[in-house]
Amino acid sequence: PPPISCMTAMTGTRAKSFKALLVALKNGDIRMYNGKQLLHVLTTSDSVVGMLYGQFGREEGALVISFASGAVGVRILQR
């Protein structure tokens, strides 16, 4: 796999006890891991330079992504 560009923790809120690790790769993929198990892969069109998971406005499960081009993306993840 390509080199890692950034990582962030993903934890559930309120009654959810969900924990995962989000790993962004230089090729634009964002991989979600629970331990060593790969849960999901998000594919983006640009290289990710930063990301943060948490509350964004009223949404509790938002992933804010900063791209190498200077663009910012927000993904609302499923509850």
PDB file of N, CA and C in Angstrom:
ATOM      1  N   PRO A   1       0.821  -1.205   0.000  1.00  0.00           N
ATOM      2  CA  PRO A   1       0.000   0.000   0.000  1.00  0.00           C
ATOM      3  C   PRO A   1       0.863   1.266   0.000  1.00  0.00           C
ATOM      4  N   PRO A   2       0.286   2.377  -0.433  1.00  0.00           N
ATOM      5  CA  PRO A   2       1.014   3.657  -0.439  1.00  0.00           C
ATOM      6  C   PRO A   2       1.310   4.129   0.980  1.00  0.00           C
ATOM      7  N   PRO A   3       2.197   5.116   1.132  1.00  0.00           N
ATOM      8  CA  PRO A   3       2.521   5.612   2.472  1.00  0.00           C
ATOM      9  C   PRO A   3       1.335   6.308   3.139  1.00  0.00           C
ATOM     10  N   ILE A   4       1.367   6.351   4.462  1.00  0.00           N
ATOM     11  CA  ILE A   4       0.310   6.982   5.252  1.00  0.00           C
ATOM     12  C   ILE A   4       0.535   8.489   5.270  1.00  0.00           C
ATOM     13  N   SER A   5      -0.539   9.262   5.043  1.00  0.00           N
ATOM     14  CA  SER A   5      -0.426  10.718   5.104  1.00  0.00           C
ATOM     15  C   SER A   5      -0.931  11.266   6.439  1.00  0.00           C
ATOM     16  N   CYS A   6      -1.976  10.659   7.024  1.00  0.00           N
ATOM     17  CA  CYS A   6      -2.454  11.074   8.353  1.00  0.00           C
ATOM     18  C   CYS A   6      -3.382  10.006   8.929  1.00  0.00           C
ATOM     19  N   MET A   7      -3.604  10.106  10.251  1.00  0.00           N
ATOM     20  CA  MET A   7      -4.482   9.176  10.954  1.00  0.00           C
ATOM     21  C   MET A   7      -5.309   9.947  11.971  1.00  0.00           C
ATOM     22  N   THR A   8      -6.499   9.423  12.281  1.00  0.00           N
ATOM     23  CA  THR A   8      -7.333   9.985  13.334  1.00  0.00           C
ATOM     24  C   THR A   8      -8.170   8.864  13.952  1.00  0.00           C
ATOM     25  N   ALA A   9      -8.508   9.045  15.219  1.00  0.00           N
ATOM     26  CA  ALA A   9      -9.341   8.064  15.918  1.00  0.00           C
ATOM     27  C   ALA A   9     -10.809   8.373  15.666  1.00  0.00           C
ATOM     28  N   MET A  10     -11.607   7.328  15.618  1.00  0.00           N
ATOM     29  CA  MET A  10     -13.046   7.448  15.411  1.00  0.00           C
ATOM     30  C   MET A  10     -13.720   6.719  16.566  1.00  0.00           C
ATOM     31  N   THR A  11     -14.419   7.461  17.419  1.00  0.00           N
ATOM     32  CA  THR A  11     -15.090   6.851  18.568  1.00  0.00           C
ATOM     33  C   THR A  11     -16.563   7.179  18.530  1.00  0.00           C
ATOM     34  N   GLY A  12     -17.364   6.251  19.015  1.00  0.00           N
ATOM     35  CA  GLY A  12     -18.802   6.447  19.071  1.00  0.00           C
ATOM     36  C   GLY A  12     -19.173   7.435  20.162  1.00  0.00           C
ATOM     37  N   THR A  13     -20.331   8.055  20.001  1.00  0.00           N
ATOM     38  CA  THR A  13     -20.801   9.018  20.986  1.00  0.00           C
ATOM     39  C   THR A  13     -22.047   8.481  21.669  1.00  0.00           C
ATOM     40  N   ARG A  14     -22.359   9.063  22.791  1.00  0.00           N
ATOM     41  CA  ARG A  14     -23.514   8.677  23.614  1.00  0.00           C
ATOM     42  C   ARG A  14     -23.474   7.200  23.950  1.00  0.00           C
ATOM     43  N   ALA A  15     -24.487   6.432  23.552  1.00  0.00           N
ATOM     44  CA  ALA A  15     -24.587   5.021  23.939  1.00  0.00           C
ATOM     45  C   ALA A  15     -23.746   4.100  23.064  1.00  0.00           C
ATOM     46  N   LYS A  16     -23.226   4.618  21.949  1.00  0.00           N
ATOM     47  CA  LYS A  16     -22.453   3.769  21.047  1.00  0.00           C
ATOM     48  C   LYS A  16     -21.040   3.584  21.582  1.00  0.00           C
ATOM     49  N   SER A  17     -20.590   2.369  21.599  1.00  0.00           N
ATOM     50  CA  SER A  17     -19.237   2.095  22.064  1.00  0.00           C
ATOM     51  C   SER A  17     -18.379   1.614  20.901  1.00  0.00           C
ATOM     52  N   PHE A  18     -18.388   2.363  19.830  1.00  0.00           N
ATOM     53  CA  PHE A  18     -17.680   2.010  18.614  1.00  0.00           C
ATOM     54  C   PHE A  18     -16.318   2.708  18.590  1.00  0.00           C
ATOM     55  N   LYS A  19     -15.265   1.942  18.294  1.00  0.00           N
ATOM     56  CA  LYS A  19     -13.935   2.516  18.168  1.00  0.00           C
ATOM     57  C   LYS A  19     -13.310   2.011  16.879  1.00  0.00           C
ATOM     58  N   ALA A  20     -12.692   2.931  16.144  1.00  0.00           N
ATOM     59  CA  ALA A  20     -12.010   2.565  14.910  1.00  0.00           C
ATOM     60  C   ALA A  20     -10.882   3.563  14.669  1.00  0.00           C
ATOM     61  N   LEU A  21     -10.012   3.231  13.736  1.00  0.00           N
ATOM     62  CA  LEU A  21      -8.915   4.097  13.349  1.00  0.00           C
ATOM     63  C   LEU A  21      -9.066   4.414  11.871  1.00  0.00           C
ATOM     64  N   LEU A  22      -9.032   5.700  11.524  1.00  0.00           N
ATOM     65  CA  LEU A  22      -9.099   6.128  10.134  1.00  0.00           C
ATOM     66  C   LEU A  22      -7.689   6.450   9.674  1.00  0.00           C
ATOM     67  N   VAL A  23      -7.256   5.834   8.577  1.00  0.00           N
ATOM     68  CA  VAL A  23      -5.908   6.002   8.051  1.00  0.00           C
ATOM     69  C   VAL A  23      -6.017   6.505   6.616  1.00  0.00           C
ATOM     70  N   ALA A  24      -5.450   7.692   6.357  1.00  0.00           N
ATOM     71  CA  ALA A  24      -5.448   8.256   5.004  1.00  0.00           C
ATOM     72  C   ALA A  24      -4.125   7.906   4.328  1.00  0.00           C
ATOM     73  N   LEU A  25      -4.215   7.449   3.091  1.00  0.00           N
ATOM     74  CA  LEU A  25      -3.032   7.073   2.322  1.00  0.00           C
ATOM     75  C   LEU A  25      -2.766   8.127   1.250  1.00  0.00           C
ATOM     76  N   LYS A  26      -1.537   8.170   0.751  1.00  0.00           N
ATOM     77  CA  LYS A  26      -1.127   9.173  -0.241  1.00  0.00           C
ATOM     78  C   LYS A  26      -1.901   9.064  -1.559  1.00  0.00           C
ATOM     79  N   ASN A  27      -2.474   7.897  -1.863  1.00  0.00           N
ATOM     80  CA  ASN A  27      -3.210   7.729  -3.113  1.00  0.00           C
ATOM     81  C   ASN A  27      -4.660   8.220  -3.029  1.00  0.00           C
ATOM     82  N   GLY A  28      -5.085   8.734  -1.847  1.00  0.00           N
ATOM     83  CA  GLY A  28      -6.438   9.260  -1.708  1.00  0.00           C
ATOM     84  C   GLY A  28      -7.397   8.333  -1.006  1.00  0.00           C
ATOM     85  N   ASP A  29      -6.982   7.127  -0.685  1.00  0.00           N
ATOM     86  CA  ASP A  29      -7.849   6.198   0.046  1.00  0.00           C
ATOM     87  C   ASP A  29      -7.851   6.526   1.528  1.00  0.00           C
ATOM     88  N   ILE A  30      -9.018   6.372   2.172  1.00  0.00           N
ATOM     89  CA  ILE A  30      -9.142   6.477   3.616  1.00  0.00           C
ATOM     90  C   ILE A  30      -9.652   5.132   4.095  1.00  0.00           C
ATOM     91  N   ARG A  31      -8.849   4.455   4.894  1.00  0.00           N
ATOM     92  CA  ARG A  31      -9.195   3.118   5.369  1.00  0.00           C
ATOM     93  C   ARG A  31      -9.646   3.179   6.819  1.00  0.00           C
ATOM     94  N   MET A  32     -10.694   2.410   7.130  1.00  0.00           N
ATOM     95  CA  MET A  32     -11.222   2.331   8.485  1.00  0.00           C
ATOM     96  C   MET A  32     -10.886   0.960   9.054  1.00  0.00           C
ATOM     97  N   TYR A  33     -10.156   0.969  10.179  1.00  0.00           N
ATOM     98  CA  TYR A  33      -9.725  -0.269  10.824  1.00  0.00           C
ATOM     99  C   TYR A  33     -10.319  -0.379  12.216  1.00  0.00           C
ATOM    100  N   ASN A  34     -10.689  -1.596  12.583  1.00  0.00           N
ATOM    101  CA  ASN A  34     -11.031  -1.935  13.956  1.00  0.00           C
ATOM    102  C   ASN A  34     -10.026  -3.004  14.370  1.00  0.00           C
ATOM    103  N   GLY A  35      -9.010  -2.600  15.134  1.00  0.00           N
ATOM    104  CA  GLY A  35      -7.903  -3.492  15.405  1.00  0.00           C
ATOM    105  C   GLY A  35      -7.109  -3.697  14.125  1.00  0.00           C
ATOM    106  N   LYS A  36      -6.928  -4.948  13.719  1.00  0.00           N
ATOM    107  CA  LYS A  36      -6.227  -5.243  12.467  1.00  0.00           C
ATOM    108  C   LYS A  36      -7.190  -5.500  11.311  1.00  0.00           C
ATOM    109  N   GLN A  37      -8.492  -5.466  11.593  1.00  0.00           N
ATOM    110  CA  GLN A  37      -9.496  -5.780  10.583  1.00  0.00           C
ATOM    111  C   GLN A  37      -9.876  -4.524   9.800  1.00  0.00           C
ATOM    112  N   LEU A  38      -9.799  -4.601   8.465  1.00  0.00           N
ATOM    113  CA  LEU A  38     -10.211  -3.518   7.579  1.00  0.00           C
ATOM    114  C   LEU A  38     -11.725  -3.546   7.453  1.00  0.00           C
ATOM    115  N   LEU A  39     -12.396  -2.440   7.860  1.00  0.00           N
ATOM    116  CA  LEU A  39     -13.858  -2.386   7.822  1.00  0.00           C
ATOM    117  C   LEU A  39     -14.405  -1.760   6.547  1.00  0.00           C
ATOM    118  N   HIS A  40     -13.748  -0.663   6.095  1.00  0.00           N
ATOM    119  CA  HIS A  40     -14.289   0.065   4.947  1.00  0.00           C
ATOM    120  C   HIS A  40     -13.187   0.901   4.307  1.00  0.00           C
ATOM    121  N   VAL A  41     -13.338   1.201   3.021  1.00  0.00           N
ATOM    122  CA  VAL A  41     -12.398   2.064   2.307  1.00  0.00           C
ATOM    123  C   VAL A  41     -13.187   3.169   1.610  1.00  0.00           C
ATOM    124  N   LEU A  42     -12.859   4.422   1.934  1.00  0.00           N
ATOM    125  CA  LEU A  42     -13.409   5.586   1.235  1.00  0.00           C
ATOM    126  C   LEU A  42     -12.378   6.019   0.202  1.00  0.00           C
ATOM    127  N   THR A  43     -12.800   6.259  -1.018  1.00  0.00           N
ATOM    128  CA  THR A  43     -11.876   6.689  -2.066  1.00  0.00           C
ATOM    129  C   THR A  43     -12.148   8.145  -2.404  1.00  0.00           C
ATOM    130  N   THR A  44     -11.096   8.947  -2.400  1.00  0.00           N
ATOM    131  CA  THR A  44     -11.206  10.360  -2.759  1.00  0.00           C
ATOM    132  C   THR A  44     -10.381  10.606  -4.010  1.00  0.00           C
ATOM    133  N   SER A  45     -10.632  11.729  -4.671  1.00  0.00           N
ATOM    134  CA  SER A  45      -9.942  12.030  -5.919  1.00  0.00           C
ATOM    135  C   SER A  45      -8.618  12.753  -5.718  1.00  0.00           C
ATOM    136  N   ASP A  46      -8.331  13.205  -4.486  1.00  0.00           N
ATOM    137  CA  ASP A  46      -7.125  13.971  -4.202  1.00  0.00           C
ATOM    138  C   ASP A  46      -6.430  13.395  -2.967  1.00  0.00           C
ATOM    139  N   SER A  47      -5.191  13.749  -2.786  1.00  0.00           N
ATOM    140  CA  SER A  47      -4.429  13.280  -1.632  1.00  0.00           C
ATOM    141  C   SER A  47      -4.881  14.005  -0.368  1.00  0.00           C
ATOM    142  N   VAL A  48      -5.068  13.258   0.713  1.00  0.00           N
ATOM    143  CA  VAL A  48      -5.529  13.807   1.988  1.00  0.00           C
ATOM    144  C   VAL A  48      -4.318  14.269   2.793  1.00  0.00           C
ATOM    145  N   VAL A  49      -4.379  15.518   3.319  1.00  0.00           N
ATOM    146  CA  VAL A  49      -3.289  16.019   4.162  1.00  0.00           C
ATOM    147  C   VAL A  49      -3.705  16.148   5.620  1.00  0.00           C
ATOM    148  N   GLY A  50      -5.001  16.141   5.906  1.00  0.00           N
ATOM    149  CA  GLY A  50      -5.474  16.206   7.277  1.00  0.00           C
ATOM    150  C   GLY A  50      -6.925  15.797   7.365  1.00  0.00           C
ATOM    151  N   MET A  51      -7.316  15.244   8.510  1.00  0.00           N
ATOM    152  CA  MET A  51      -8.719  14.872   8.705  1.00  0.00           C
ATOM    153  C   MET A  51      -9.017  14.817  10.191  1.00  0.00           C
ATOM    154  N   LEU A  52     -10.292  15.001  10.515  1.00  0.00           N
ATOM    155  CA  LEU A  52     -10.734  14.986  11.900  1.00  0.00           C
ATOM    156  C   LEU A  52     -12.152  14.442  11.937  1.00  0.00           C
ATOM    157  N   TYR A  53     -12.406  13.517  12.865  1.00  0.00           N
ATOM    158  CA  TYR A  53     -13.726  12.936  13.044  1.00  0.00           C
ATOM    159  C   TYR A  53     -14.339  13.487  14.320  1.00  0.00           C
ATOM    160  N   GLY A  54     -15.616  13.855  14.257  1.00  0.00           N
ATOM    161  CA  GLY A  54     -16.299  14.349  15.448  1.00  0.00           C
ATOM    162  C   GLY A  54     -17.616  15.004  15.098  1.00  0.00           C
ATOM    163  N   GLN A  55     -18.031  15.931  15.939  1.00  0.00           N
ATOM    164  CA  GLN A  55     -19.298  16.629  15.745  1.00  0.00           C
ATOM    165  C   GLN A  55     -19.073  17.844  14.858  1.00  0.00           C
ATOM    166  N   PHE A  56     -19.952  18.014  13.871  1.00  0.00           N
ATOM    167  CA  PHE A  56     -19.901  19.155  12.957  1.00  0.00           C
ATOM    168  C   PHE A  56     -21.318  19.713  12.882  1.00  0.00           C
ATOM    169  N   GLY A  57     -21.556  20.830  13.551  1.00  0.00           N
ATOM    170  CA  GLY A  57     -22.914  21.353  13.635  1.00  0.00           C
ATOM    171  C   GLY A  57     -23.754  20.441  14.499  1.00  0.00           C
ATOM    172  N   ARG A  58     -24.880  19.985  13.971  1.00  0.00           N
ATOM    173  CA  ARG A  58     -25.756  19.076  14.719  1.00  0.00           C
ATOM    174  C   ARG A  58     -25.464  17.612  14.434  1.00  0.00           C
ATOM    175  N   GLU A  59     -24.607  17.358  13.466  1.00  0.00           N
ATOM    176  CA  GLU A  59     -24.263  15.973  13.123  1.00  0.00           C
ATOM    177  C   GLU A  59     -23.134  15.466  14.013  1.00  0.00           C
ATOM    178  N   GLU A  60     -23.322  14.289  14.606  1.00  0.00           N
ATOM    179  CA  GLU A  60     -22.333  13.741  15.518  1.00  0.00           C
ATOM    180  C   GLU A  60     -21.258  12.929  14.801  1.00  0.00           C
ATOM    181  N   GLY A  61     -21.543  12.388  13.665  1.00  0.00           N
ATOM    182  CA  GLY A  61     -20.596  11.518  12.972  1.00  0.00           C
ATOM    183  C   GLY A  61     -20.096  12.125  11.684  1.00  0.00           C
ATOM    184  N   ALA A  62     -19.317  13.191  11.760  1.00  0.00           N
ATOM    185  CA  ALA A  62     -18.820  13.867  10.571  1.00  0.00           C
ATOM    186  C   ALA A  62     -17.312  13.685  10.451  1.00  0.00           C
ATOM    187  N   LEU A  63     -16.852  13.499   9.234  1.00  0.00           N
ATOM    188  CA  LEU A  63     -15.432  13.416   8.939  1.00  0.00           C
ATOM    189  C   LEU A  63     -15.081  14.614   8.069  1.00  0.00           C
ATOM    190  N   VAL A  64     -14.251  15.514   8.607  1.00  0.00           N
ATOM    191  CA  VAL A  64     -13.808  16.693   7.862  1.00  0.00           C
ATOM    192  C   VAL A  64     -12.429  16.378   7.301  1.00  0.00           C
ATOM    193  N   ILE A  65     -12.286  16.564   5.982  1.00  0.00           N
ATOM    194  CA  ILE A  65     -11.067  16.167   5.277  1.00  0.00           C
ATOM    195  C   ILE A  65     -10.455  17.388   4.599  1.00  0.00           C
ATOM    196  N   SER A  66      -9.145  17.556   4.751  1.00  0.00           N
ATOM    197  CA  SER A  66      -8.398  18.612   4.076  1.00  0.00           C
ATOM    198  C   SER A  66      -7.534  17.960   2.995  1.00  0.00           C
ATOM    199  N   PHE A  67      -7.620  18.486   1.777  1.00  0.00           N
ATOM    200  CA  PHE A  67      -6.917  17.894   0.646  1.00  0.00           C
ATOM    201  C   PHE A  67      -5.672  18.699   0.281  1.00  0.00           C
ATOM    202  N   ALA A  68      -4.774  18.081  -0.467  1.00  0.00           N
ATOM    203  CA  ALA A  68      -3.524  18.723  -0.885  1.00  0.00           C
ATOM    204  C   ALA A  68      -3.782  19.929  -1.784  1.00  0.00           C
ATOM    205  N   SER A  69      -4.881  19.946  -2.500  1.00  0.00           N
ATOM    206  CA  SER A  69      -5.209  21.063  -3.395  1.00  0.00           C
ATOM    207  C   SER A  69      -5.723  22.284  -2.642  1.00  0.00           C
ATOM    208  N   GLY A  70      -5.998  22.132  -1.343  1.00  0.00           N
ATOM    209  CA  GLY A  70      -6.544  23.221  -0.539  1.00  0.00           C
ATOM    210  C   GLY A  70      -8.039  23.096  -0.305  1.00  0.00           C
ATOM    211  N   ALA A  71      -8.657  22.132  -0.922  1.00  0.00           N
ATOM    212  CA  ALA A  71     -10.102  21.915  -0.756  1.00  0.00           C
ATOM    213  C   ALA A  71     -10.383  21.262   0.593  1.00  0.00           C
ATOM    214  N   VAL A  72     -11.594  21.482   1.073  1.00  0.00           N
ATOM    215  CA  VAL A  72     -12.062  20.864   2.313  1.00  0.00           C
ATOM    216  C   VAL A  72     -13.340  20.093   2.018  1.00  0.00           C
ATOM    217  N   GLY A  73     -13.413  18.870   2.493  1.00  0.00           N
ATOM    218  CA  GLY A  73     -14.604  18.054   2.292  1.00  0.00           C
ATOM    219  C   GLY A  73     -15.175  17.591   3.621  1.00  0.00           C
ATOM    220  N   VAL A  74     -16.489  17.433   3.657  1.00  0.00           N
ATOM    221  CA  VAL A  74     -17.152  16.925   4.847  1.00  0.00           C
ATOM    222  C   VAL A  74     -17.965  15.704   4.455  1.00  0.00           C
ATOM    223  N   ARG A  75     -17.714  14.605   5.121  1.00  0.00           N
ATOM    224  CA  ARG A  75     -18.485  13.374   4.915  1.00  0.00           C
ATOM    225  C   ARG A  75     -19.274  13.095   6.174  1.00  0.00           C
ATOM    226  N   ILE A  76     -20.579  12.978   6.044  1.00  0.00           N
ATOM    227  CA  ILE A  76     -21.441  12.593   7.153  1.00  0.00           C
ATOM    228  C   ILE A  76     -21.536  11.069   7.113  1.00  0.00           C
ATOM    229  N   LEU A  77     -21.014  10.409   8.126  1.00  0.00           N
ATOM    230  CA  LEU A  77     -20.990   8.961   8.150  1.00  0.00           C
ATOM    231  C   LEU A  77     -22.254   8.400   8.779  1.00  0.00           C
ATOM    232  N   GLN A  78     -22.589   7.166   8.426  1.00  0.00           N
ATOM    233  CA  GLN A  78     -23.798   6.531   8.914  1.00  0.00           C
ATOM    234  C   GLN A  78     -23.781   6.385  10.414  1.00  0.00           C
ATOM    235  N   ARG A  79     -24.970   6.428  10.996  1.00  0.00           N
ATOM    236  CA  ARG A  79     -25.100   6.292  12.459  1.00  0.00           C
ATOM    237  C   ARG A  79     -25.092   4.854  12.865  1.00  0.00           C
TER     238      ARG A  79
END
